Amino acid sequence: MFDETLKSVAEKLVANCREERVRAGLDELYAEDAVSVEAAAMEGGETPVANGRKEIHAKHDWWESTMEMHSASTDGPYLHGSDRFAVIFEADTTNRETGERSQMKEVGIYTVSGGKIVREEFYWAL
């Protein structure tokens, strides 16, 4: 029913998230010129867009240095057509700089081409 490459990429991404191997997954699953689009610019950032794996790694560096993770869950993947899938993420975090604790929920929509993630977009819950 769904493309086997799409299924494989989606399942690997979710497994990496659940097993806290997100960094390894970036290099394995993402195209060198992949684009990451947040719903809004991150704190101190000028744009919600990260272009290329290097900038996506930098986005993860910022997250890991700024946020203390208390718990996280990953739901999915949810496949769509021949080239996209979605994942629902939830996290309970504390901002290390402000001490503010918060819960978040977001949906990530991933586009796959040539066996690699070429675009990810995040939609935040209110």
PDB file of N, CA and C in Angstrom:
ATOM      1  N   MET A   1       0.822  -1.194   0.000  1.00  0.00           N
ATOM      2  CA  MET A   1       0.000   0.000   0.000  1.00  0.00           C
ATOM      3  C   MET A   1       0.870   1.263   0.000  1.00  0.00           C
ATOM      4  N   PHE A   2       1.885   1.327   0.859  1.00  0.00           N
ATOM      5  CA  PHE A   2       2.779   2.478   0.917  1.00  0.00           C
ATOM      6  C   PHE A   2       4.169   2.072   0.450  1.00  0.00           C
ATOM      7  N   ASP A   3       4.888   3.022  -0.084  1.00  0.00           N
ATOM      8  CA  ASP A   3       6.241   2.808  -0.561  1.00  0.00           C
ATOM      9  C   ASP A   3       7.127   2.271   0.571  1.00  0.00           C
ATOM     10  N   GLU A   4       7.878   1.225   0.293  1.00  0.00           N
ATOM     11  CA  GLU A   4       8.716   0.586   1.318  1.00  0.00           C
ATOM     12  C   GLU A   4       9.828   1.507   1.812  1.00  0.00           C
ATOM     13  N   THR A   5      10.377   2.327   0.920  1.00  0.00           N
ATOM     14  CA  THR A   5      11.424   3.270   1.341  1.00  0.00           C
ATOM     15  C   THR A   5      10.842   4.307   2.293  1.00  0.00           C
ATOM     16  N   LEU A   6       9.668   4.819   1.971  1.00  0.00           N
ATOM     17  CA  LEU A   6       9.000   5.775   2.857  1.00  0.00           C
ATOM     18  C   LEU A   6       8.759   5.149   4.220  1.00  0.00           C
ATOM     19  N   LYS A   7       8.231   3.937   4.234  1.00  0.00           N
ATOM     20  CA  LYS A   7       7.969   3.240   5.500  1.00  0.00           C
ATOM     21  C   LYS A   7       9.252   3.068   6.302  1.00  0.00           C
ATOM     22  N   SER A   8      10.326   2.672   5.644  1.00  0.00           N
ATOM     23  CA  SER A   8      11.594   2.441   6.323  1.00  0.00           C
ATOM     24  C   SER A   8      12.142   3.725   6.944  1.00  0.00           C
ATOM     25  N   VAL A   9      12.139   4.814   6.183  1.00  0.00           N
ATOM     26  CA  VAL A   9      12.634   6.095   6.693  1.00  0.00           C
ATOM     27  C   VAL A   9      11.782   6.546   7.880  1.00  0.00           C
ATOM     28  N   ALA A  10      10.461   6.455   7.742  1.00  0.00           N
ATOM     29  CA  ALA A  10       9.550   6.878   8.808  1.00  0.00           C
ATOM     30  C   ALA A  10       9.765   6.056  10.069  1.00  0.00           C
ATOM     31  N   GLU A  11       9.853   4.745   9.920  1.00  0.00           N
ATOM     32  CA  GLU A  11      10.042   3.865  11.083  1.00  0.00           C
ATOM     33  C   GLU A  11      11.389   4.109  11.749  1.00  0.00           C
ATOM     34  N   LYS A  12      12.440   4.354  10.970  1.00  0.00           N
ATOM     35  CA  LYS A  12      13.760   4.636  11.548  1.00  0.00           C
ATOM     36  C   LYS A  12      13.756   5.954  12.305  1.00  0.00           C
ATOM     37  N   LEU A  13      13.106   6.977  11.741  1.00  0.00           N
ATOM     38  CA  LEU A  13      13.068   8.266  12.434  1.00  0.00           C
ATOM     39  C   LEU A  13      12.373   8.119  13.780  1.00  0.00           C
ATOM     40  N   VAL A  14      11.232   7.446  13.801  1.00  0.00           N
ATOM     41  CA  VAL A  14      10.491   7.265  15.052  1.00  0.00           C
ATOM     42  C   VAL A  14      11.310   6.440  16.048  1.00  0.00           C
ATOM     43  N   ALA A  15      11.946   5.377  15.586  1.00  0.00           N
ATOM     44  CA  ALA A  15      12.779   4.555  16.480  1.00  0.00           C
ATOM     45  C   ALA A  15      13.920   5.387  17.055  1.00  0.00           C
ATOM     46  N   ASN A  16      14.562   6.208  16.217  1.00  0.00           N
ATOM     47  CA  ASN A  16      15.653   7.057  16.719  1.00  0.00           C
ATOM     48  C   ASN A  16      15.158   8.025  17.783  1.00  0.00           C
ATOM     49  N   CYS A  17      13.981   8.591  17.590  1.00  0.00           N
ATOM     50  CA  CYS A  17      13.422   9.510  18.590  1.00  0.00           C
ATOM     51  C   CYS A  17      13.136   8.781  19.897  1.00  0.00           C
ATOM     52  N   ARG A  18      12.517   7.634  19.811  1.00  0.00           N
ATOM     53  CA  ARG A  18      12.163   6.876  21.014  1.00  0.00           C
ATOM     54  C   ARG A  18      13.388   6.366  21.763  1.00  0.00           C
ATOM     55  N   GLU A  19      14.457   6.076  21.028  1.00  0.00           N
ATOM     56  CA  GLU A  19      15.671   5.520  21.627  1.00  0.00           C
ATOM     57  C   GLU A  19      16.740   6.581  21.853  1.00  0.00           C
ATOM     58  N   GLU A  20      16.359   7.863  21.753  1.00  0.00           N
ATOM     59  CA  GLU A  20      17.242   9.000  21.991  1.00  0.00           C
ATOM     60  C   GLU A  20      18.497   8.938  21.122  1.00  0.00           C
ATOM     61  N   ARG A  21      18.294   8.615  19.838  1.00  0.00           N
ATOM     62  CA  ARG A  21      19.383   8.580  18.865  1.00  0.00           C
ATOM     63  C   ARG A  21      19.093   9.564  17.731  1.00  0.00           C
ATOM     64  N   VAL A  22      18.532  10.700  18.078  1.00  0.00           N
ATOM     65  CA  VAL A  22      18.128  11.677  17.068  1.00  0.00           C
ATOM     66  C   VAL A  22      19.334  12.143  16.254  1.00  0.00           C
ATOM     67  N   ARG A  23      20.460  12.401  16.910  1.00  0.00           N
ATOM     68  CA  ARG A  23      21.665  12.893  16.230  1.00  0.00           C
ATOM     69  C   ARG A  23      22.129  11.933  15.142  1.00  0.00           C
ATOM     70  N   ALA A  24      22.210  10.657  15.458  1.00  0.00           N
ATOM     71  CA  ALA A  24      22.632   9.659  14.470  1.00  0.00           C
ATOM     72  C   ALA A  24      21.647   9.632  13.307  1.00  0.00           C
ATOM     73  N   GLY A  25      20.380   9.796  13.612  1.00  0.00           N
ATOM     74  CA  GLY A  25      19.361   9.789  12.582  1.00  0.00           C
ATOM     75  C   GLY A  25      19.471  10.954  11.614  1.00  0.00           C
ATOM     76  N   LEU A  26      19.927  12.098  12.097  1.00  0.00           N
ATOM     77  CA  LEU A  26      20.087  13.247  11.203  1.00  0.00           C
ATOM     78  C   LEU A  26      21.046  12.917  10.072  1.00  0.00           C
ATOM     79  N   ASP A  27      22.174  12.335  10.411  1.00  0.00           N
ATOM     80  CA  ASP A  27      23.174  12.039   9.389  1.00  0.00           C
ATOM     81  C   ASP A  27      22.757  10.879   8.493  1.00  0.00           C
ATOM     82  N   GLU A  28      22.043   9.923   9.042  1.00  0.00           N
ATOM     83  CA  GLU A  28      21.623   8.759   8.269  1.00  0.00           C
ATOM     84  C   GLU A  28      20.408   9.038   7.386  1.00  0.00           C
ATOM     85  N   LEU A  29      19.420   9.749   7.918  1.00  0.00           N
ATOM     86  CA  LEU A  29      18.122   9.856   7.261  1.00  0.00           C
ATOM     87  C   LEU A  29      17.886  11.142   6.475  1.00  0.00           C
ATOM     88  N   TYR A  30      18.646  12.190   6.754  1.00  0.00           N
ATOM     89  CA  TYR A  30      18.389  13.498   6.136  1.00  0.00           C
ATOM     90  C   TYR A  30      19.307  13.748   4.950  1.00  0.00           C
ATOM     91  N   ALA A  31      18.765  14.338   3.895  1.00  0.00           N
ATOM     92  CA  ALA A  31      19.566  14.787   2.769  1.00  0.00           C
ATOM     93  C   ALA A  31      20.463  15.936   3.232  1.00  0.00           C
ATOM     94  N   GLU A  32      21.598  16.076   2.602  1.00  0.00           N
ATOM     95  CA  GLU A  32      22.546  17.141   2.957  1.00  0.00           C
ATOM     96  C   GLU A  32      21.889  18.517   2.877  1.00  0.00           C
ATOM     97  N   ASP A  33      20.990  18.712   1.918  1.00  0.00           N
ATOM     98  CA  ASP A  33      20.342  20.015   1.724  1.00  0.00           C
ATOM     99  C   ASP A  33      18.911  20.047   2.268  1.00  0.00           C
ATOM    100  N   ALA A  34      18.619  19.192   3.237  1.00  0.00           N
ATOM    101  CA  ALA A  34      17.283  19.156   3.829  1.00  0.00           C
ATOM    102  C   ALA A  34      16.927  20.510   4.442  1.00  0.00           C
ATOM    103  N   VAL A  35      15.627  20.785   4.508  1.00  0.00           N
ATOM    104  CA  VAL A  35      15.119  22.040   5.073  1.00  0.00           C
ATOM    105  C   VAL A  35      14.223  21.703   6.259  1.00  0.00           C
ATOM    106  N   SER A  36      14.406  22.435   7.352  1.00  0.00           N
ATOM    107  CA  SER A  36      13.580  22.273   8.546  1.00  0.00           C
ATOM    108  C   SER A  36      12.854  23.585   8.801  1.00  0.00           C
ATOM    109  N   VAL A  37      11.524  23.508   8.959  1.00  0.00           N
ATOM    110  CA  VAL A  37      10.726  24.718   9.146  1.00  0.00           C
ATOM    111  C   VAL A  37       9.932  24.589  10.440  1.00  0.00           C
ATOM    112  N   GLU A  38      10.225  25.448  11.384  1.00  0.00           N
ATOM    113  CA  GLU A  38       9.467  25.504  12.634  1.00  0.00           C
ATOM    114  C   GLU A  38       8.229  26.366  12.418  1.00  0.00           C
ATOM    115  N   ALA A  39       7.282  26.276  13.332  1.00  0.00           N
ATOM    116  CA  ALA A  39       6.061  27.083  13.242  1.00  0.00           C
ATOM    117  C   ALA A  39       6.360  28.570  13.443  1.00  0.00           C
ATOM    118  N   ALA A  40       7.437  28.870  14.167  1.00  0.00           N
ATOM    119  CA  ALA A  40       7.871  30.240  14.422  1.00  0.00           C
ATOM    120  C   ALA A  40       9.365  30.193  14.716  1.00  0.00           C
ATOM    121  N   ALA A  41      10.026  31.324  14.635  1.00  0.00           N
ATOM    122  CA  ALA A  41      11.453  31.385  14.942  1.00  0.00           C
ATOM    123  C   ALA A  41      11.684  30.976  16.393  1.00  0.00           C
ATOM    124  N   MET A  42      12.757  30.233  16.626  1.00  0.00           N
ATOM    125  CA  MET A  42      13.116  29.818  17.979  1.00  0.00           C
ATOM    126  C   MET A  42      13.665  31.034  18.732  1.00  0.00           C
ATOM    127  N   GLU A  43      13.741  30.941  20.051  1.00  0.00           N
ATOM    128  CA  GLU A  43      14.264  32.044  20.862  1.00  0.00           C
ATOM    129  C   GLU A  43      15.602  32.519  20.316  1.00  0.00           C
ATOM    130  N   GLY A  44      15.722  33.829  20.115  1.00  0.00           N
ATOM    131  CA  GLY A  44      16.968  34.392  19.644  1.00  0.00           C
ATOM    132  C   GLY A  44      17.233  34.178  18.166  1.00  0.00           C
ATOM    133  N   GLY A  45      16.338  33.471  17.498  1.00  0.00           N
ATOM    134  CA  GLY A  45      16.525  33.206  16.074  1.00  0.00           C
ATOM    135  C   GLY A  45      15.810  34.231  15.226  1.00  0.00           C
ATOM    136  N   GLU A  46      16.317  34.429  14.029  1.00  0.00           N
ATOM    137  CA  GLU A  46      15.711  35.395  13.123  1.00  0.00           C
ATOM    138  C   GLU A  46      14.693  34.760  12.192  1.00  0.00           C
ATOM    139  N   THR A  47      14.822  33.461  11.968  1.00  0.00           N
ATOM    140  CA  THR A  47      13.964  32.792  11.006  1.00  0.00           C
ATOM    141  C   THR A  47      13.570  31.407  11.531  1.00  0.00           C
ATOM    142  N   PRO A  48      12.418  30.933  11.147  1.00  0.00           N
ATOM    143  CA  PRO A  48      12.022  29.587  11.560  1.00  0.00           C
ATOM    144  C   PRO A  48      12.609  28.490  10.662  1.00  0.00           C
ATOM    145  N   VAL A  49      13.428  28.883   9.666  1.00  0.00           N
ATOM    146  CA  VAL A  49      13.938  27.936   8.677  1.00  0.00           C
ATOM    147  C   VAL A  49      15.402  27.608   8.926  1.00  0.00           C
ATOM    148  N   ALA A  50      15.711  26.313   8.917  1.00  0.00           N
ATOM    149  CA  ALA A  50      17.093  25.839   8.966  1.00  0.00           C
ATOM    150  C   ALA A  50      17.365  25.154   7.631  1.00  0.00           C
ATOM    151  N   ASN A  51      18.375  25.616   6.928  1.00  0.00           N
ATOM    152  CA  ASN A  51      18.708  25.079   5.609  1.00  0.00           C
ATOM    153  C   ASN A  51      19.937  24.186   5.692  1.00  0.00           C
ATOM    154  N   GLY A  52      19.778  22.930   5.357  1.00  0.00           N
ATOM    155  CA  GLY A  52      20.890  21.991   5.341  1.00  0.00           C
ATOM    156  C   GLY A  52      21.095  21.296   6.671  1.00  0.00           C
ATOM    157  N   ARG A  53      21.732  20.138   6.586  1.00  0.00           N
ATOM    158  CA  ARG A  53      21.963  19.325   7.786  1.00  0.00           C
ATOM    159  C   ARG A  53      22.760  20.070   8.851  1.00  0.00           C
ATOM    160  N   LYS A  54      23.729  20.895   8.419  1.00  0.00           N
ATOM    161  CA  LYS A  54      24.541  21.637   9.381  1.00  0.00           C
ATOM    162  C   LYS A  54      23.673  22.552  10.240  1.00  0.00           C
ATOM    163  N   GLU A  55      22.756  23.283   9.612  1.00  0.00           N
ATOM    164  CA  GLU A  55      21.868  24.177  10.368  1.00  0.00           C
ATOM    165  C   GLU A  55      20.863  23.382  11.206  1.00  0.00           C
ATOM    166  N   ILE A  56      20.430  22.245  10.707  1.00  0.00           N
ATOM    167  CA  ILE A  56      19.509  21.407  11.492  1.00  0.00           C
ATOM    168  C   ILE A  56      20.231  20.874  12.727  1.00  0.00           C
ATOM    169  N   HIS A  57      21.491  20.468  12.571  1.00  0.00           N
ATOM    170  CA  HIS A  57      22.288  20.059  13.732  1.00  0.00           C
ATOM    171  C   HIS A  57      22.399  21.219  14.730  1.00  0.00           C
ATOM    172  N   ALA A  58      22.629  22.436  14.234  1.00  0.00           N
ATOM    173  CA  ALA A  58      22.746  23.603  15.112  1.00  0.00           C
ATOM    174  C   ALA A  58      21.453  23.848  15.878  1.00  0.00           C
ATOM    175  N   LYS A  59      20.323  23.626  15.220  1.00  0.00           N
ATOM    176  CA  LYS A  59      19.024  23.772  15.884  1.00  0.00           C
ATOM    177  C   LYS A  59      18.913  22.769  17.032  1.00  0.00           C
ATOM    178  N   HIS A  60      19.350  21.548  16.788  1.00  0.00           N
ATOM    179  CA  HIS A  60      19.331  20.527  17.840  1.00  0.00           C
ATOM    180  C   HIS A  60      20.321  20.872  18.958  1.00  0.00           C
ATOM    181  N   ASP A  61      21.484  21.431  18.606  1.00  0.00           N
ATOM    182  CA  ASP A  61      22.453  21.878  19.623  1.00  0.00           C
ATOM    183  C   ASP A  61      21.800  22.893  20.549  1.00  0.00           C
ATOM    184  N   TRP A  62      21.100  23.874  19.960  1.00  0.00           N
ATOM    185  CA  TRP A  62      20.437  24.905  20.764  1.00  0.00           C
ATOM    186  C   TRP A  62      19.413  24.258  21.701  1.00  0.00           C
ATOM    187  N   TRP A  63      18.577  23.368  21.162  1.00  0.00           N
ATOM    188  CA  TRP A  63      17.538  22.721  21.961  1.00  0.00           C
ATOM    189  C   TRP A  63      18.155  21.964  23.134  1.00  0.00           C
ATOM    190  N   GLU A  64      19.167  21.157  22.852  1.00  0.00           N
ATOM    191  CA  GLU A  64      19.773  20.327  23.900  1.00  0.00           C
ATOM    192  C   GLU A  64      20.484  21.158  24.963  1.00  0.00           C
ATOM    193  N   SER A  65      21.064  22.294  24.577  1.00  0.00           N
ATOM    194  CA  SER A  65      21.749  23.129  25.561  1.00  0.00           C
ATOM    195  C   SER A  65      20.782  24.008  26.350  1.00  0.00           C
ATOM    196  N   THR A  66      19.621  24.300  25.781  1.00  0.00           N
ATOM    197  CA  THR A  66      18.670  25.208  26.413  1.00  0.00           C
ATOM    198  C   THR A  66      17.613  24.486  27.237  1.00  0.00           C
ATOM    199  N   MET A  67      17.195  23.320  26.806  1.00  0.00           N
ATOM    200  CA  MET A  67      16.069  22.644  27.440  1.00  0.00           C
ATOM    201  C   MET A  67      16.497  21.375  28.182  1.00  0.00           C
ATOM    202  N   GLU A  68      16.012  21.253  29.411  1.00  0.00           N
ATOM    203  CA  GLU A  68      16.172  20.004  30.170  1.00  0.00           C
ATOM    204  C   GLU A  68      14.916  19.172  29.916  1.00  0.00           C
ATOM    205  N   MET A  69      15.101  17.966  29.431  1.00  0.00           N
ATOM    206  CA  MET A  69      13.978  17.101  29.073  1.00  0.00           C
ATOM    207  C   MET A  69      13.620  16.217  30.267  1.00  0.00           C
ATOM    208  N   HIS A  70      12.365  16.310  30.721  1.00  0.00           N
ATOM    209  CA  HIS A  70      11.886  15.456  31.810  1.00  0.00           C
ATOM    210  C   HIS A  70      11.238  14.196  31.256  1.00  0.00           C
ATOM    211  N   SER A  71      10.481  14.356  30.184  1.00  0.00           N
ATOM    212  CA  SER A  71       9.867  13.200  29.520  1.00  0.00           C
ATOM    213  C   SER A  71       9.515  13.593  28.101  1.00  0.00           C
ATOM    214  N   ALA A  72       9.405  12.565  27.260  1.00  0.00           N
ATOM    215  CA  ALA A  72       9.052  12.811  25.866  1.00  0.00           C
ATOM    216  C   ALA A  72       8.349  11.583  25.318  1.00  0.00           C
ATOM    217  N   SER A  73       7.468  11.811  24.350  1.00  0.00           N
ATOM    218  CA  SER A  73       6.825  10.690  23.674  1.00  0.00           C
ATOM    219  C   SER A  73       6.761  10.994  22.184  1.00  0.00           C
ATOM    220  N   THR A  74       6.746   9.922  21.410  1.00  0.00           N
ATOM    221  CA  THR A  74       6.694  10.007  19.961  1.00  0.00           C
ATOM    222  C   THR A  74       5.599   9.070  19.486  1.00  0.00           C
ATOM    223  N   ASP A  75       4.638   9.596  18.738  1.00  0.00           N
ATOM    224  CA  ASP A  75       3.508   8.799  18.260  1.00  0.00           C
ATOM    225  C   ASP A  75       3.525   8.786  16.741  1.00  0.00           C
ATOM    226  N   GLY A  76       3.492   7.608  16.167  1.00  0.00           N
ATOM    227  CA  GLY A  76       3.488   7.489  14.717  1.00  0.00           C
ATOM    228  C   GLY A  76       4.487   6.439  14.298  1.00  0.00           C
ATOM    229  N   PRO A  77       4.818   6.433  13.042  1.00  0.00           N
ATOM    230  CA  PRO A  77       4.519   7.407  12.008  1.00  0.00           C
ATOM    231  C   PRO A  77       3.146   7.194  11.371  1.00  0.00           C
ATOM    232  N   TYR A  78       2.634   8.274  10.786  1.00  0.00           N
ATOM    233  CA  TYR A  78       1.395   8.262  10.030  1.00  0.00           C
ATOM    234  C   TYR A  78       1.760   8.568   8.578  1.00  0.00           C
ATOM    235  N   LEU A  79       1.609   7.586   7.721  1.00  0.00           N
ATOM    236  CA  LEU A  79       2.023   7.725   6.323  1.00  0.00           C
ATOM    237  C   LEU A  79       0.956   8.437   5.496  1.00  0.00           C
ATOM    238  N   HIS A  80       1.426   9.167   4.470  1.00  0.00           N
ATOM    239  CA  HIS A  80       0.533   9.904   3.586  1.00  0.00           C
ATOM    240  C   HIS A  80       1.104   9.850   2.175  1.00  0.00           C
ATOM    241  N   GLY A  81       0.398   9.186   1.284  1.00  0.00           N
ATOM    242  CA  GLY A  81       0.835   9.122  -0.099  1.00  0.00           C
ATOM    243  C   GLY A  81       2.157   8.389  -0.259  1.00  0.00           C
ATOM    244  N   SER A  82       2.911   8.791  -1.266  1.00  0.00           N
ATOM    245  CA  SER A  82       4.156   8.101  -1.574  1.00  0.00           C
ATOM    246  C   SER A  82       5.391   8.790  -1.027  1.00  0.00           C
ATOM    247  N   ASP A  83       5.223  10.002  -0.436  1.00  0.00           N
ATOM    248  CA  ASP A  83       6.428  10.731  -0.047  1.00  0.00           C
ATOM    249  C   ASP A  83       6.352  11.494   1.273  1.00  0.00           C
ATOM    250  N   ARG A  84       5.290  11.311   2.042  1.00  0.00           N
ATOM    251  CA  ARG A  84       5.197  12.079   3.297  1.00  0.00           C
ATOM    252  C   ARG A  84       4.730  11.216   4.454  1.00  0.00           C
ATOM    253  N   PHE A  85       5.121  11.654   5.653  1.00  0.00           N
ATOM    254  CA  PHE A  85       4.622  11.031   6.873  1.00  0.00           C
ATOM    255  C   PHE A  85       4.607  12.072   7.981  1.00  0.00           C
ATOM    256  N   ALA A  86       3.822  11.785   9.003  1.00  0.00           N
ATOM    257  CA  ALA A  86       3.699  12.681  10.152  1.00  0.00           C
ATOM    258  C   ALA A  86       4.053  11.934  11.417  1.00  0.00           C
ATOM    259  N   VAL A  87       4.506  12.697  12.409  1.00  0.00           N
ATOM    260  CA  VAL A  87       4.815  12.169  13.736  1.00  0.00           C
ATOM    261  C   VAL A  87       4.311  13.192  14.747  1.00  0.00           C
ATOM    262  N   ILE A  88       3.723  12.707  15.836  1.00  0.00           N
ATOM    263  CA  ILE A  88       3.281  13.582  16.921  1.00  0.00           C
ATOM    264  C   ILE A  88       4.285  13.478  18.060  1.00  0.00           C
ATOM    265  N   PHE A  89       4.778  14.625  18.497  1.00  0.00           N
ATOM    266  CA  PHE A  89       5.755  14.686  19.580  1.00  0.00           C
ATOM    267  C   PHE A  89       5.142  15.401  20.782  1.00  0.00           C
ATOM    268  N   GLU A  90       5.427  14.885  21.975  1.00  0.00           N
ATOM    269  CA  GLU A  90       5.066  15.572  23.214  1.00  0.00           C
ATOM    270  C   GLU A  90       6.301  15.597  24.099  1.00  0.00           C
ATOM    271  N   ALA A  91       6.473  16.697  24.841  1.00  0.00           N
ATOM    272  CA  ALA A  91       7.635  16.812  25.721  1.00  0.00           C
ATOM    273  C   ALA A  91       7.295  17.659  26.940  1.00  0.00           C
ATOM    274  N   ASP A  92       7.899  17.284  28.042  1.00  0.00           N
ATOM    275  CA  ASP A  92       7.844  18.040  29.293  1.00  0.00           C
ATOM    276  C   ASP A  92       9.264  18.528  29.522  1.00  0.00           C
ATOM    277  N   THR A  93       9.461  19.849  29.485  1.00  0.00           N
ATOM    278  CA  THR A  93      10.810  20.415  29.547  1.00  0.00           C
ATOM    279  C   THR A  93      10.903  21.564  30.536  1.00  0.00           C
ATOM    280  N   THR A  94      12.146  21.879  30.905  1.00  0.00           N
ATOM    281  CA  THR A  94      12.436  23.091  31.668  1.00  0.00           C
ATOM    282  C   THR A  94      13.505  23.860  30.917  1.00  0.00           C
ATOM    283  N   ASN A  95      13.245  25.148  30.710  1.00  0.00           N
ATOM    284  CA  ASN A  95      14.221  26.028  30.092  1.00  0.00           C
ATOM    285  C   ASN A  95      15.330  26.273  31.103  1.00  0.00           C
ATOM    286  N   ARG A  96      16.542  25.884  30.790  1.00  0.00           N
ATOM    287  CA  ARG A  96      17.668  26.002  31.723  1.00  0.00           C
ATOM    288  C   ARG A  96      17.979  27.453  32.075  1.00  0.00           C
ATOM    289  N   GLU A  97      17.732  28.366  31.164  1.00  0.00           N
ATOM    290  CA  GLU A  97      18.046  29.779  31.396  1.00  0.00           C
ATOM    291  C   GLU A  97      17.026  30.461  32.294  1.00  0.00           C
ATOM    292  N   THR A  98      15.738  30.123  32.129  1.00  0.00           N
ATOM    293  CA  THR A  98      14.689  30.819  32.872  1.00  0.00           C
ATOM    294  C   THR A  98      14.103  29.994  34.016  1.00  0.00           C
ATOM    295  N   GLY A  99      14.325  28.679  33.976  1.00  0.00           N
ATOM    296  CA  GLY A  99      13.735  27.800  34.980  1.00  0.00           C
ATOM    297  C   GLY A  99      12.268  27.497  34.719  1.00  0.00           C
ATOM    298  N   GLU A 100      11.726  28.009  33.616  1.00  0.00           N
ATOM    299  CA  GLU A 100      10.318  27.798  33.297  1.00  0.00           C
ATOM    300  C   GLU A 100      10.093  26.381  32.774  1.00  0.00           C
ATOM    301  N   ARG A 101       9.154  25.693  33.405  1.00  0.00           N
ATOM    302  CA  ARG A 101       8.798  24.349  32.970  1.00  0.00           C
ATOM    303  C   ARG A 101       7.551  24.425  32.096  1.00  0.00           C
ATOM    304  N   SER A 102       7.547  23.646  31.029  1.00  0.00           N
ATOM    305  CA  SER A 102       6.394  23.674  30.138  1.00  0.00           C
ATOM    306  C   SER A 102       6.221  22.331  29.443  1.00  0.00           C
ATOM    307  N   GLN A 103       5.013  22.148  28.948  1.00  0.00           N
ATOM    308  CA  GLN A 103       4.687  20.960  28.171  1.00  0.00           C
ATOM    309  C   GLN A 103       4.383  21.425  26.753  1.00  0.00           C
ATOM    310  N   MET A 104       4.811  20.641  25.797  1.00  0.00           N
ATOM    311  CA  MET A 104       4.562  20.999  24.410  1.00  0.00           C
ATOM    312  C   MET A 104       4.070  19.786  23.639  1.00  0.00           C
ATOM    313  N   LYS A 105       3.345  20.079  22.585  1.00  0.00           N
ATOM    314  CA  LYS A 105       2.882  19.047  21.669  1.00  0.00           C
ATOM    315  C   LYS A 105       2.983  19.637  20.274  1.00  0.00           C
ATOM    316  N   GLU A 106       3.549  18.860  19.356  1.00  0.00           N
ATOM    317  CA  GLU A 106       3.678  19.328  17.989  1.00  0.00           C
ATOM    318  C   GLU A 106       3.566  18.162  17.028  1.00  0.00           C
ATOM    319  N   VAL A 107       3.225  18.502  15.795  1.00  0.00           N
ATOM    320  CA  VAL A 107       3.170  17.525  14.716  1.00  0.00           C
ATOM    321  C   VAL A 107       4.309  17.851  13.760  1.00  0.00           C
ATOM    322  N   GLY A 108       5.077  16.845  13.407  1.00  0.00           N
ATOM    323  CA  GLY A 108       6.116  16.998  12.396  1.00  0.00           C
ATOM    324  C   GLY A 108       5.645  16.334  11.109  1.00  0.00           C
ATOM    325  N   ILE A 109       5.725  17.060  10.015  1.00  0.00           N
ATOM    326  CA  ILE A 109       5.384  16.529   8.692  1.00  0.00           C
ATOM    327  C   ILE A 109       6.701  16.417   7.920  1.00  0.00           C
ATOM    328  N   TYR A 110       6.987  15.226   7.438  1.00  0.00           N
ATOM    329  CA  TYR A 110       8.260  14.942   6.772  1.00  0.00           C
ATOM    330  C   TYR A 110       8.016  14.581   5.312  1.00  0.00           C
ATOM    331  N   THR A 111       8.862  15.108   4.437  1.00  0.00           N
ATOM    332  CA  THR A 111       8.820  14.782   3.015  1.00  0.00           C
ATOM    333  C   THR A 111      10.090  14.015   2.672  1.00  0.00           C
ATOM    334  N   VAL A 112       9.916  12.899   1.966  1.00  0.00           N
ATOM    335  CA  VAL A 112      11.025  12.015   1.617  1.00  0.00           C
ATOM    336  C   VAL A 112      11.192  11.984   0.103  1.00  0.00           C
ATOM    337  N   SER A 113      12.443  12.071  -0.343  1.00  0.00           N
ATOM    338  CA  SER A 113      12.767  11.959  -1.767  1.00  0.00           C
ATOM    339  C   SER A 113      14.126  11.271  -1.883  1.00  0.00           C
ATOM    340  N   GLY A 114      14.225  10.317  -2.776  1.00  0.00           N
ATOM    341  CA  GLY A 114      15.493   9.619  -2.957  1.00  0.00           C
ATOM    342  C   GLY A 114      15.944   8.863  -1.722  1.00  0.00           C
ATOM    343  N   GLY A 115      14.989   8.445  -0.885  1.00  0.00           N
ATOM    344  CA  GLY A 115      15.321   7.691   0.314  1.00  0.00           C
ATOM    345  C   GLY A 115      15.801   8.527   1.484  1.00  0.00           C
ATOM    346  N   LYS A 116      15.705   9.861   1.385  1.00  0.00           N
ATOM    347  CA  LYS A 116      16.158  10.763   2.451  1.00  0.00           C
ATOM    348  C   LYS A 116      15.072  11.772   2.781  1.00  0.00           C
ATOM    349  N   ILE A 117      15.071  12.242   4.007  1.00  0.00           N
ATOM    350  CA  ILE A 117      14.175  13.332   4.395  1.00  0.00           C
ATOM    351  C   ILE A 117      14.726  14.611   3.774  1.00  0.00           C
ATOM    352  N   VAL A 118      13.893  15.293   2.994  1.00  0.00           N
ATOM    353  CA  VAL A 118      14.316  16.528   2.336  1.00  0.00           C
ATOM    354  C   VAL A 118      13.660  17.763   2.951  1.00  0.00           C
ATOM    355  N   ARG A 119      12.598  17.541   3.721  1.00  0.00           N
ATOM    356  CA  ARG A 119      11.900  18.660   4.362  1.00  0.00           C
ATOM    357  C   ARG A 119      11.156  18.156   5.587  1.00  0.00           C
ATOM    358  N   GLU A 120      11.205  18.958   6.636  1.00  0.00           N
ATOM    359  CA  GLU A 120      10.391  18.708   7.815  1.00  0.00           C
ATOM    360  C   GLU A 120       9.737  20.020   8.198  1.00  0.00           C
ATOM    361  N   GLU A 121       8.473  19.928   8.613  1.00  0.00           N
ATOM    362  CA  GLU A 121       7.726  21.103   9.057  1.00  0.00           C
ATOM    363  C   GLU A 121       7.067  20.761  10.379  1.00  0.00           C
ATOM    364  N   PHE A 122       7.109  21.695  11.313  1.00  0.00           N
ATOM    365  CA  PHE A 122       6.540  21.456  12.626  1.00  0.00           C
ATOM    366  C   PHE A 122       5.358  22.381  12.882  1.00  0.00           C
ATOM    367  N   TYR A 123       4.291  21.803  13.399  1.00  0.00           N
ATOM    368  CA  TYR A 123       3.060  22.526  13.725  1.00  0.00           C
ATOM    369  C   TYR A 123       2.867  22.404  15.220  1.00  0.00           C
ATOM    370  N   TRP A 124       2.786  23.517  15.901  1.00  0.00           N
ATOM    371  CA  TRP A 124       2.683  23.529  17.355  1.00  0.00           C
ATOM    372  C   TRP A 124       1.233  23.591  17.803  1.00  0.00           C
ATOM    373  N   ALA A 125       0.929  22.861  18.847  1.00  0.00           N
ATOM    374  CA  ALA A 125      -0.400  22.918  19.460  1.00  0.00           C
ATOM    375  C   ALA A 125      -0.482  24.151  20.354  1.00  0.00           C
ATOM    376  N   LEU A 126      -1.659  24.736  20.433  1.00  0.00           N
ATOM    377  CA  LEU A 126      -1.860  25.908  21.317  1.00  0.00           C
ATOM    378  C   LEU A 126      -2.005  25.475  22.742  1.00  0.00           C
TER     379      LEU A 126
END
